PDB file of N, CA and C in Angstrom:
ATOM      1  N   UNK A   1      21.387 -49.100  -7.508  1.00  0.00           N
ATOM      2  CA  UNK A   1      22.243 -49.427  -6.382  1.00  0.00           C
ATOM      3  C   UNK A   1      22.744 -48.138  -5.740  1.00  0.00           C
ATOM      4  N   UNK A   2      22.718 -48.090  -4.432  1.00  0.00           N
ATOM      5  CA  UNK A   2      23.168 -46.906  -3.717  1.00  0.00           C
ATOM      6  C   UNK A   2      24.436 -47.250  -2.953  1.00  0.00           C
ATOM      7  N   UNK A   3      25.465 -46.422  -3.122  1.00  0.00           N
ATOM      8  CA  UNK A   3      26.705 -46.568  -2.375  1.00  0.00           C
ATOM      9  C   UNK A   3      26.719 -45.551  -1.248  1.00  0.00           C
ATOM     10  N   UNK A   4      27.332 -45.907  -0.155  1.00  0.00           N
ATOM     11  CA  UNK A   4      27.442 -45.020   0.997  1.00  0.00           C
ATOM     12  C   UNK A   4      28.898 -44.990   1.426  1.00  0.00           C
ATOM     13  N   UNK A   5      29.399 -43.799   1.749  1.00  0.00           N
ATOM     14  CA  UNK A   5      30.773 -43.651   2.228  1.00  0.00           C
ATOM     15  C   UNK A   5      30.806 -42.509   3.230  1.00  0.00           C
ATOM     16  N   UNK A   6      31.861 -42.474   4.020  1.00  0.00           N
ATOM     17  CA  UNK A   6      32.059 -41.393   4.979  1.00  0.00           C
ATOM     18  C   UNK A   6      33.297 -40.616   4.548  1.00  0.00           C
ATOM     19  N   UNK A   7      33.176 -39.298   4.586  1.00  0.00           N
ATOM     20  CA  UNK A   7      34.283 -38.418   4.270  1.00  0.00           C
ATOM     21  C   UNK A   7      34.257 -37.281   5.270  1.00  0.00           C
ATOM     22  N   UNK A   8      35.192 -36.360   5.173  1.00  0.00           N
ATOM     23  CA  UNK A   8      35.171 -35.215   6.086  1.00  0.00           C
ATOM     24  C   UNK A   8      35.562 -33.958   5.325  1.00  0.00           C
ATOM     25  N   UNK A   9      35.217 -32.832   5.914  1.00  0.00           N
ATOM     26  CA  UNK A   9      35.522 -31.543   5.308  1.00  0.00           C
ATOM     27  C   UNK A   9      36.785 -30.983   5.958  1.00  0.00           C
ATOM     28  N   UNK A  10      37.672 -30.426   5.122  1.00  0.00           N
ATOM     29  CA  UNK A  10      38.895 -29.823   5.637  1.00  0.00           C
ATOM     30  C   UNK A  10      38.603 -28.445   6.207  1.00  0.00           C
ATOM     31  N   UNK A  11      39.600 -27.857   6.853  1.00  0.00           N
ATOM     32  CA  UNK A  11      39.434 -26.509   7.414  1.00  0.00           C
ATOM     33  C   UNK A  11      39.198 -25.470   6.321  1.00  0.00           C
ATOM     34  N   UNK A  12      39.529 -25.812   5.074  1.00  0.00           N
ATOM     35  CA  UNK A  12      39.306 -24.911   3.937  1.00  0.00           C
ATOM     36  C   UNK A  12      37.970 -25.185   3.238  1.00  0.00           C
ATOM     37  N   UNK A  13      37.166 -26.087   3.810  1.00  0.00           N
ATOM     38  CA  UNK A  13      35.868 -26.390   3.218  1.00  0.00           C
ATOM     39  C   UNK A  13      35.925 -27.403   2.097  1.00  0.00           C
ATOM     40  N   UNK A  14      37.038 -28.067   1.908  1.00  0.00           N
ATOM     41  CA  UNK A  14      37.180 -29.050   0.839  1.00  0.00           C
ATOM     42  C   UNK A  14      36.711 -30.413   1.319  1.00  0.00           C
ATOM     43  N   UNK A  15      35.983 -31.108   0.434  1.00  0.00           N
ATOM     44  CA  UNK A  15      35.467 -32.435   0.739  1.00  0.00           C
ATOM     45  C   UNK A  15      35.986 -33.394  -0.325  1.00  0.00           C
ATOM     46  N   UNK A  16      36.485 -34.538   0.111  1.00  0.00           N
ATOM     47  CA  UNK A  16      36.977 -35.553  -0.811  1.00  0.00           C
ATOM     48  C   UNK A  16      35.833 -36.492  -1.157  1.00  0.00           C
ATOM     49  N   UNK A  17      35.605 -36.685  -2.445  1.00  0.00           N
ATOM     50  CA  UNK A  17      34.646 -37.691  -2.896  1.00  0.00           C
ATOM     51  C   UNK A  17      35.425 -38.993  -3.016  1.00  0.00           C
ATOM     52  N   UNK A  18      35.008 -40.044  -2.302  1.00  0.00           N
ATOM     53  CA  UNK A  18      35.756 -41.302  -2.341  1.00  0.00           C
ATOM     54  C   UNK A  18      35.972 -41.797  -3.771  1.00  0.00           C
ATOM     55  N   UNK A  19      37.132 -42.391  -4.013  1.00  0.00           N
ATOM     56  CA  UNK A  19      37.529 -42.824  -5.358  1.00  0.00           C
ATOM     57  C   UNK A  19      36.465 -43.686  -6.032  1.00  0.00           C
ATOM     58  N   UNK A  20      35.863 -44.614  -5.289  1.00  0.00           N
ATOM     59  CA  UNK A  20      34.881 -45.516  -5.896  1.00  0.00           C
ATOM     60  C   UNK A  20      33.610 -44.784  -6.314  1.00  0.00           C
ATOM     61  N   UNK A  21      33.408 -43.561  -5.817  1.00  0.00           N
ATOM     62  CA  UNK A  21      32.206 -42.802  -6.159  1.00  0.00           C
ATOM     63  C   UNK A  21      32.466 -41.736  -7.210  1.00  0.00           C
ATOM     64  N   UNK A  22      33.705 -41.493  -7.547  1.00  0.00           N
ATOM     65  CA  UNK A  22      33.968 -40.428  -8.518  1.00  0.00           C
ATOM     66  C   UNK A  22      34.346 -40.948  -9.894  1.00  0.00           C
ATOM     67  N   UNK A  23      34.068 -42.209 -10.152  1.00  0.00           N
ATOM     68  CA  UNK A  23      34.307 -42.763 -11.488  1.00  0.00           C
ATOM     69  C   UNK A  23      33.474 -41.983 -12.491  1.00  0.00           C
ATOM     70  N   UNK A  24      34.085 -41.555 -13.556  1.00  0.00           N
ATOM     71  CA  UNK A  24      33.369 -40.808 -14.580  1.00  0.00           C
ATOM     72  C   UNK A  24      33.298 -39.313 -14.325  1.00  0.00           C
ATOM     73  N   UNK A  25      33.791 -38.852 -13.187  1.00  0.00           N
ATOM     74  CA  UNK A  25      33.836 -37.415 -12.913  1.00  0.00           C
ATOM     75  C   UNK A  25      35.249 -36.938 -13.190  1.00  0.00           C
ATOM     76  N   UNK A  26      35.379 -35.953 -14.051  1.00  0.00           N
ATOM     77  CA  UNK A  26      36.704 -35.448 -14.424  1.00  0.00           C
ATOM     78  C   UNK A  26      37.136 -34.327 -13.488  1.00  0.00           C
ATOM     79  N   UNK A  27      38.449 -34.203 -13.268  1.00  0.00           N
ATOM     80  CA  UNK A  27      38.989 -33.108 -12.456  1.00  0.00           C
ATOM     81  C   UNK A  27      38.533 -31.783 -13.062  1.00  0.00           C
ATOM     82  N   UNK A  28      38.068 -30.885 -12.244  1.00  0.00           N
ATOM     83  CA  UNK A  28      37.602 -29.584 -12.717  1.00  0.00           C
ATOM     84  C   UNK A  28      36.148 -29.562 -13.155  1.00  0.00           C
ATOM     85  N   UNK A  29      35.512 -30.728 -13.210  1.00  0.00           N
ATOM     86  CA  UNK A  29      34.108 -30.781 -13.623  1.00  0.00           C
ATOM     87  C   UNK A  29      33.244 -30.085 -12.569  1.00  0.00           C
ATOM     88  N   UNK A  30      32.269 -29.311 -13.027  1.00  0.00           N
ATOM     89  CA  UNK A  30      31.394 -28.574 -12.115  1.00  0.00           C
ATOM     90  C   UNK A  30      30.358 -29.511 -11.511  1.00  0.00           C
ATOM     91  N   UNK A  31      30.138 -29.344 -10.207  1.00  0.00           N
ATOM     92  CA  UNK A  31      29.146 -30.120  -9.481  1.00  0.00           C
ATOM     93  C   UNK A  31      28.152 -29.163  -8.826  1.00  0.00           C
ATOM     94  N   UNK A  32      26.915 -29.532  -8.831  1.00  0.00           N
ATOM     95  CA  UNK A  32      25.857 -28.756  -8.193  1.00  0.00           C
ATOM     96  C   UNK A  32      25.633 -29.332  -6.803  1.00  0.00           C
ATOM     97  N   UNK A  33      25.570 -28.480  -5.791  1.00  0.00           N
ATOM     98  CA  UNK A  33      25.293 -28.914  -4.429  1.00  0.00           C
ATOM     99  C   UNK A  33      23.996 -28.260  -3.986  1.00  0.00           C
ATOM    100  N   UNK A  34      23.054 -29.095  -3.564  1.00  0.00           N
ATOM    101  CA  UNK A  34      21.750 -28.627  -3.110  1.00  0.00           C
ATOM    102  C   UNK A  34      21.673 -28.891  -1.614  1.00  0.00           C
ATOM    103  N   UNK A  35      21.350 -27.855  -0.834  1.00  0.00           N
ATOM    104  CA  UNK A  35      21.177 -28.034   0.601  1.00  0.00           C
ATOM    105  C   UNK A  35      19.690 -28.047   0.906  1.00  0.00           C
ATOM    106  N   UNK A  36      19.268 -29.053   1.638  1.00  0.00           N
ATOM    107  CA  UNK A  36      17.870 -29.193   2.032  1.00  0.00           C
ATOM    108  C   UNK A  36      17.860 -29.640   3.481  1.00  0.00           C
ATOM    109  N   UNK A  37      17.619 -28.703   4.401  1.00  0.00           N
ATOM    110  CA  UNK A  37      17.675 -28.983   5.831  1.00  0.00           C
ATOM    111  C   UNK A  37      19.016 -29.621   6.177  1.00  0.00           C
ATOM    112  N   UNK A  38      19.027 -30.867   6.593  1.00  0.00           N
ATOM    113  CA  UNK A  38      20.267 -31.530   6.997  1.00  0.00           C
ATOM    114  C   UNK A  38      20.846 -32.403   5.896  1.00  0.00           C
ATOM    115  N   UNK A  39      20.458 -32.162   4.652  1.00  0.00           N
ATOM    116  CA  UNK A  39      20.939 -32.967   3.529  1.00  0.00           C
ATOM    117  C   UNK A  39      21.759 -32.128   2.574  1.00  0.00           C
ATOM    118  N   UNK A  40      22.765 -32.731   1.993  1.00  0.00           N
ATOM    119  CA  UNK A  40      23.495 -32.147   0.878  1.00  0.00           C
ATOM    120  C   UNK A  40      23.399 -33.144  -0.268  1.00  0.00           C
ATOM    121  N   UNK A  41      22.934 -32.670  -1.403  1.00  0.00           N
ATOM    122  CA  UNK A  41      22.796 -33.509  -2.586  1.00  0.00           C
ATOM    123  C   UNK A  41      23.785 -32.990  -3.620  1.00  0.00           C
ATOM    124  N   UNK A  42      24.621 -33.870  -4.151  1.00  0.00           N
ATOM    125  CA  UNK A  42      25.620 -33.478  -5.149  1.00  0.00           C
ATOM    126  C   UNK A  42      25.240 -34.105  -6.478  1.00  0.00           C
ATOM    127  N   UNK A  43      25.184 -33.278  -7.521  1.00  0.00           N
ATOM    128  CA  UNK A  43      24.889 -33.752  -8.871  1.00  0.00           C
ATOM    129  C   UNK A  43      25.877 -33.128  -9.834  1.00  0.00           C
ATOM    130  N   UNK A  44      26.156 -33.822 -10.908  1.00  0.00           N
ATOM    131  CA  UNK A  44      26.992 -33.254 -11.964  1.00  0.00           C
ATOM    132  C   UNK A  44      26.218 -32.138 -12.652  1.00  0.00           C
ATOM    133  N   UNK A  45      26.856 -31.005 -12.837  1.00  0.00           N
ATOM    134  CA  UNK A  45      26.186 -29.864 -13.478  1.00  0.00           C
ATOM    135  C   UNK A  45      25.794 -30.199 -14.909  1.00  0.00           C
ATOM    136  N   UNK A  46      26.581 -31.037 -15.592  1.00  0.00           N
ATOM    137  CA  UNK A  46      26.263 -31.372 -16.988  1.00  0.00           C
ATOM    138  C   UNK A  46      25.015 -32.234 -17.090  1.00  0.00           C
ATOM    139  N   UNK A  47      24.613 -32.857 -15.974  1.00  0.00           N
ATOM    140  CA  UNK A  47      23.429 -33.710 -15.976  1.00  0.00           C
ATOM    141  C   UNK A  47      22.148 -32.945 -15.665  1.00  0.00           C
ATOM    142  N   UNK A  48      22.253 -31.614 -15.563  1.00  0.00           N
ATOM    143  CA  UNK A  48      21.072 -30.824 -15.230  1.00  0.00           C
ATOM    144  C   UNK A  48      20.095 -30.853 -16.398  1.00  0.00           C
ATOM    145  N   UNK A  49      19.013 -31.460 -16.169  1.00  0.00           N
ATOM    146  CA  UNK A  49      17.976 -31.578 -17.184  1.00  0.00           C
ATOM    147  C   UNK A  49      16.672 -31.878 -16.465  1.00  0.00           C
ATOM    148  N   UNK A  50      15.830 -32.641 -17.080  1.00  0.00           N
ATOM    149  CA  UNK A  50      14.548 -32.995 -16.478  1.00  0.00           C
ATOM    150  C   UNK A  50      14.748 -33.710 -15.137  1.00  0.00           C
ATOM    151  N   UNK A  51      15.843 -34.467 -14.995  1.00  0.00           N
ATOM    152  CA  UNK A  51      16.078 -35.175 -13.739  1.00  0.00           C
ATOM    153  C   UNK A  51      16.197 -34.196 -12.576  1.00  0.00           C
ATOM    154  N   UNK A  52      16.813 -33.033 -12.806  1.00  0.00           N
ATOM    155  CA  UNK A  52      16.932 -32.046 -11.734  1.00  0.00           C
ATOM    156  C   UNK A  52      15.550 -31.551 -11.334  1.00  0.00           C
ATOM    157  N   UNK A  53      14.715 -31.278 -12.312  1.00  0.00           N
ATOM    158  CA  UNK A  53      13.357 -30.836 -12.020  1.00  0.00           C
ATOM    159  C   UNK A  53      12.623 -31.887 -11.193  1.00  0.00           C
ATOM    160  N   UNK A  54      12.798 -33.157 -11.563  1.00  0.00           N
ATOM    161  CA  UNK A  54      12.161 -34.243 -10.820  1.00  0.00           C
ATOM    162  C   UNK A  54      12.714 -34.330  -9.403  1.00  0.00           C
ATOM    163  N   UNK A  55      14.032 -34.173  -9.243  1.00  0.00           N
ATOM    164  CA  UNK A  55      14.654 -34.221  -7.916  1.00  0.00           C
ATOM    165  C   UNK A  55      14.144 -33.090  -7.037  1.00  0.00           C
ATOM    166  N   UNK A  56      14.042 -31.891  -7.604  1.00  0.00           N
ATOM    167  CA  UNK A  56      13.560 -30.744  -6.832  1.00  0.00           C
ATOM    168  C   UNK A  56      12.092 -30.908  -6.457  1.00  0.00           C
ATOM    169  N   UNK A  57      11.294 -31.420  -7.376  1.00  0.00           N
ATOM    170  CA  UNK A  57       9.874 -31.652  -7.077  1.00  0.00           C
ATOM    171  C   UNK A  57       9.740 -32.697  -5.974  1.00  0.00           C
ATOM    172  N   UNK A  58      10.556 -33.743  -6.045  1.00  0.00           N
ATOM    173  CA  UNK A  58      10.529 -34.773  -5.003  1.00  0.00           C
ATOM    174  C   UNK A  58      10.940 -34.181  -3.658  1.00  0.00           C
ATOM    175  N   UNK A  59      11.979 -33.346  -3.649  1.00  0.00           N
ATOM    176  CA  UNK A  59      12.444 -32.721  -2.406  1.00  0.00           C
ATOM    177  C   UNK A  59      11.348 -31.837  -1.808  1.00  0.00           C
ATOM    178  N   UNK A  60      10.640 -31.098  -2.660  1.00  0.00           N
ATOM    179  CA  UNK A  60       9.553 -30.245  -2.163  1.00  0.00           C
ATOM    180  C   UNK A  60       8.422 -31.071  -1.583  1.00  0.00           C
ATOM    181  N   UNK A  61       8.060 -32.172  -2.255  1.00  0.00           N
ATOM    182  CA  UNK A  61       6.999 -33.034  -1.736  1.00  0.00           C
ATOM    183  C   UNK A  61       7.414 -33.661  -0.411  1.00  0.00           C
ATOM    184  N   UNK A  62       8.663 -34.075  -0.314  1.00  0.00           N
ATOM    185  CA  UNK A  62       9.168 -34.681   0.920  1.00  0.00           C
ATOM    186  C   UNK A  62       9.143 -33.672   2.060  1.00  0.00           C
ATOM    187  N   UNK A  63       9.579 -32.441   1.785  1.00  0.00           N
ATOM    188  CA  UNK A  63       9.577 -31.398   2.810  1.00  0.00           C
ATOM    189  C   UNK A  63       8.149 -31.089   3.265  1.00  0.00           C
ATOM    190  N   UNK A  64       7.228 -31.014   2.325  1.00  0.00           N
ATOM    191  CA  UNK A  64       5.831 -30.747   2.657  1.00  0.00           C
ATOM    192  C   UNK A  64       5.263 -31.870   3.529  1.00  0.00           C
ATOM    193  N   UNK A  65       5.573 -33.112   3.184  1.00  0.00           N
ATOM    194  CA  UNK A  65       5.088 -34.249   3.967  1.00  0.00           C
ATOM    195  C   UNK A  65       5.675 -34.235   5.366  1.00  0.00           C
ATOM    196  N   UNK A  66       6.957 -33.899   5.498  1.00  0.00           N
ATOM    197  CA  UNK A  66       7.593 -33.842   6.807  1.00  0.00           C
ATOM    198  C   UNK A  66       6.938 -32.781   7.681  1.00  0.00           C
ATOM    199  N   UNK A  67       6.638 -31.628   7.111  1.00  0.00           N
ATOM    200  CA  UNK A  67       5.987 -30.558   7.873  1.00  0.00           C
ATOM    201  C   UNK A  67       4.591 -30.991   8.333  1.00  0.00           C
ATOM    202  N   UNK A  68       3.859 -31.687   7.463  1.00  0.00           N
ATOM    203  CA  UNK A  68       2.541 -32.182   7.848  1.00  0.00           C
ATOM    204  C   UNK A  68       2.663 -33.211   8.967  1.00  0.00           C
ATOM    205  N   UNK A  69       3.659 -34.080   8.866  1.00  0.00           N
ATOM    206  CA  UNK A  69       3.878 -35.089   9.906  1.00  0.00           C
ATOM    207  C   UNK A  69       4.204 -34.422  11.246  1.00  0.00           C
ATOM    208  N   UNK A  70       5.115 -33.441  11.208  1.00  0.00           N
ATOM    209  CA  UNK A  70       5.511 -32.746  12.433  1.00  0.00           C
ATOM    210  C   UNK A  70       4.343 -31.991  13.062  1.00  0.00           C
ATOM    211  N   UNK A  71       3.394 -31.553  12.244  1.00  0.00           N
ATOM    212  CA  UNK A  71       2.223 -30.832  12.744  1.00  0.00           C
ATOM    213  C   UNK A  71       1.110 -31.785  13.178  1.00  0.00           C
ATOM    214  N   UNK A  72       1.375 -33.093  13.111  1.00  0.00           N
ATOM    215  CA  UNK A  72       0.379 -34.076  13.514  1.00  0.00           C
ATOM    216  C   UNK A  72      -0.754 -34.232  12.525  1.00  0.00           C
ATOM    217  N   UNK A  73      -0.515 -33.891  11.273  1.00  0.00           N
ATOM    218  CA  UNK A  73      -1.567 -33.925  10.257  1.00  0.00           C
ATOM    219  C   UNK A  73      -1.612 -35.226   9.469  1.00  0.00           C
ATOM    220  N   UNK A  74      -0.815 -36.214   9.845  1.00  0.00           N
ATOM    221  CA  UNK A  74      -0.809 -37.469   9.099  1.00  0.00           C
ATOM    222  C   UNK A  74      -1.949 -38.363   9.568  1.00  0.00           C
ATOM    223  N   UNK A  75      -2.502 -39.094   8.641  1.00  0.00           N
ATOM    224  CA  UNK A  75      -3.539 -40.068   8.938  1.00  0.00           C
ATOM    225  C   UNK A  75      -3.124 -41.404   8.327  1.00  0.00           C
ATOM    226  N   UNK A  76      -3.680 -42.482   8.866  1.00  0.00           N
ATOM    227  CA  UNK A  76      -3.401 -43.791   8.290  1.00  0.00           C
ATOM    228  C   UNK A  76      -4.231 -43.980   7.041  1.00  0.00           C
ATOM    229  N   UNK A  77      -3.612 -44.598   6.008  1.00  0.00           N
ATOM    230  CA  UNK A  77      -4.328 -44.893   4.773  1.00  0.00           C
ATOM    231  C   UNK A  77      -3.669 -46.078   4.104  1.00  0.00           C
ATOM    232  N   UNK A  78      -4.413 -46.735   3.223  1.00  0.00           N
ATOM    233  CA  UNK A  78      -3.818 -47.862   2.516  1.00  0.00           C
ATOM    234  C   UNK A  78      -2.967 -47.346   1.351  1.00  0.00           C
ATOM    235  N   UNK A  79      -2.275 -48.251   0.705  1.00  0.00           N
ATOM    236  CA  UNK A  79      -1.307 -47.887  -0.326  1.00  0.00           C
ATOM    237  C   UNK A  79      -1.933 -47.101  -1.478  1.00  0.00           C
ATOM    238  N   UNK A  80      -3.086 -47.560  -1.983  1.00  0.00           N
ATOM    239  CA  UNK A  80      -3.736 -46.876  -3.105  1.00  0.00           C
ATOM    240  C   UNK A  80      -4.173 -45.463  -2.723  1.00  0.00           C
ATOM    241  N   UNK A  81      -4.692 -45.304  -1.521  1.00  0.00           N
ATOM    242  CA  UNK A  81      -5.072 -43.968  -1.044  1.00  0.00           C
ATOM    243  C   UNK A  81      -3.838 -43.067  -0.970  1.00  0.00           C
ATOM    244  N   UNK A  82      -2.731 -43.643  -0.488  1.00  0.00           N
ATOM    245  CA  UNK A  82      -1.486 -42.878  -0.391  1.00  0.00           C
ATOM    246  C   UNK A  82      -1.022 -42.389  -1.754  1.00  0.00           C
ATOM    247  N   UNK A  83      -1.042 -43.285  -2.756  1.00  0.00           N
ATOM    248  CA  UNK A  83      -0.615 -42.885  -4.106  1.00  0.00           C
ATOM    249  C   UNK A  83      -1.508 -41.781  -4.655  1.00  0.00           C
ATOM    250  N   UNK A  84      -2.798 -41.859  -4.431  1.00  0.00           N
ATOM    251  CA  UNK A  84      -3.700 -40.806  -4.889  1.00  0.00           C
ATOM    252  C   UNK A  84      -3.386 -39.479  -4.227  1.00  0.00           C
ATOM    253  N   UNK A  85      -3.058 -39.519  -2.944  1.00  0.00           N
ATOM    254  CA  UNK A  85      -2.730 -38.305  -2.203  1.00  0.00           C
ATOM    255  C   UNK A  85      -1.421 -37.685  -2.725  1.00  0.00           C
ATOM    256  N   UNK A  86      -0.426 -38.513  -2.963  1.00  0.00           N
ATOM    257  CA  UNK A  86       0.877 -38.021  -3.442  1.00  0.00           C
ATOM    258  C   UNK A  86       0.726 -37.353  -4.810  1.00  0.00           C
ATOM    259  N   UNK A  87      -0.114 -37.908  -5.669  1.00  0.00           N
ATOM    260  CA  UNK A  87      -0.311 -37.333  -6.996  1.00  0.00           C
ATOM    261  C   UNK A  87      -0.913 -35.936  -6.935  1.00  0.00           C
ATOM    262  N   UNK A  88      -1.611 -35.601  -5.867  1.00  0.00           N
ATOM    263  CA  UNK A  88      -2.215 -34.275  -5.714  1.00  0.00           C
ATOM    264  C   UNK A  88      -1.162 -33.206  -5.415  1.00  0.00           C
ATOM    265  N   UNK A  89      -0.024 -33.606  -4.826  1.00  0.00           N
ATOM    266  CA  UNK A  89       1.012 -32.648  -4.475  1.00  0.00           C
ATOM    267  C   UNK A  89       1.654 -32.157  -5.716  1.00  0.00           C
TER     268      UNK A  89
END
């Protein structure tokens, strides 16, 4: 399940994480922020493990696909062909 909320940044660069989204996060806990073009991804630093590697690999594949799309290099293919292509990345 994905939750979505709107927040804002203060003049000091502080961002409030909405209460319903910070359950289980303790005050002072370190958070990792990843910037990718127009995205900010926030993860708990204590959760850095194989999932981070998977997230970064996914972000790289997504960025590569976006660049190919912007360059007009996309072609139509069926689902199975698409999965085979993604596995090559």
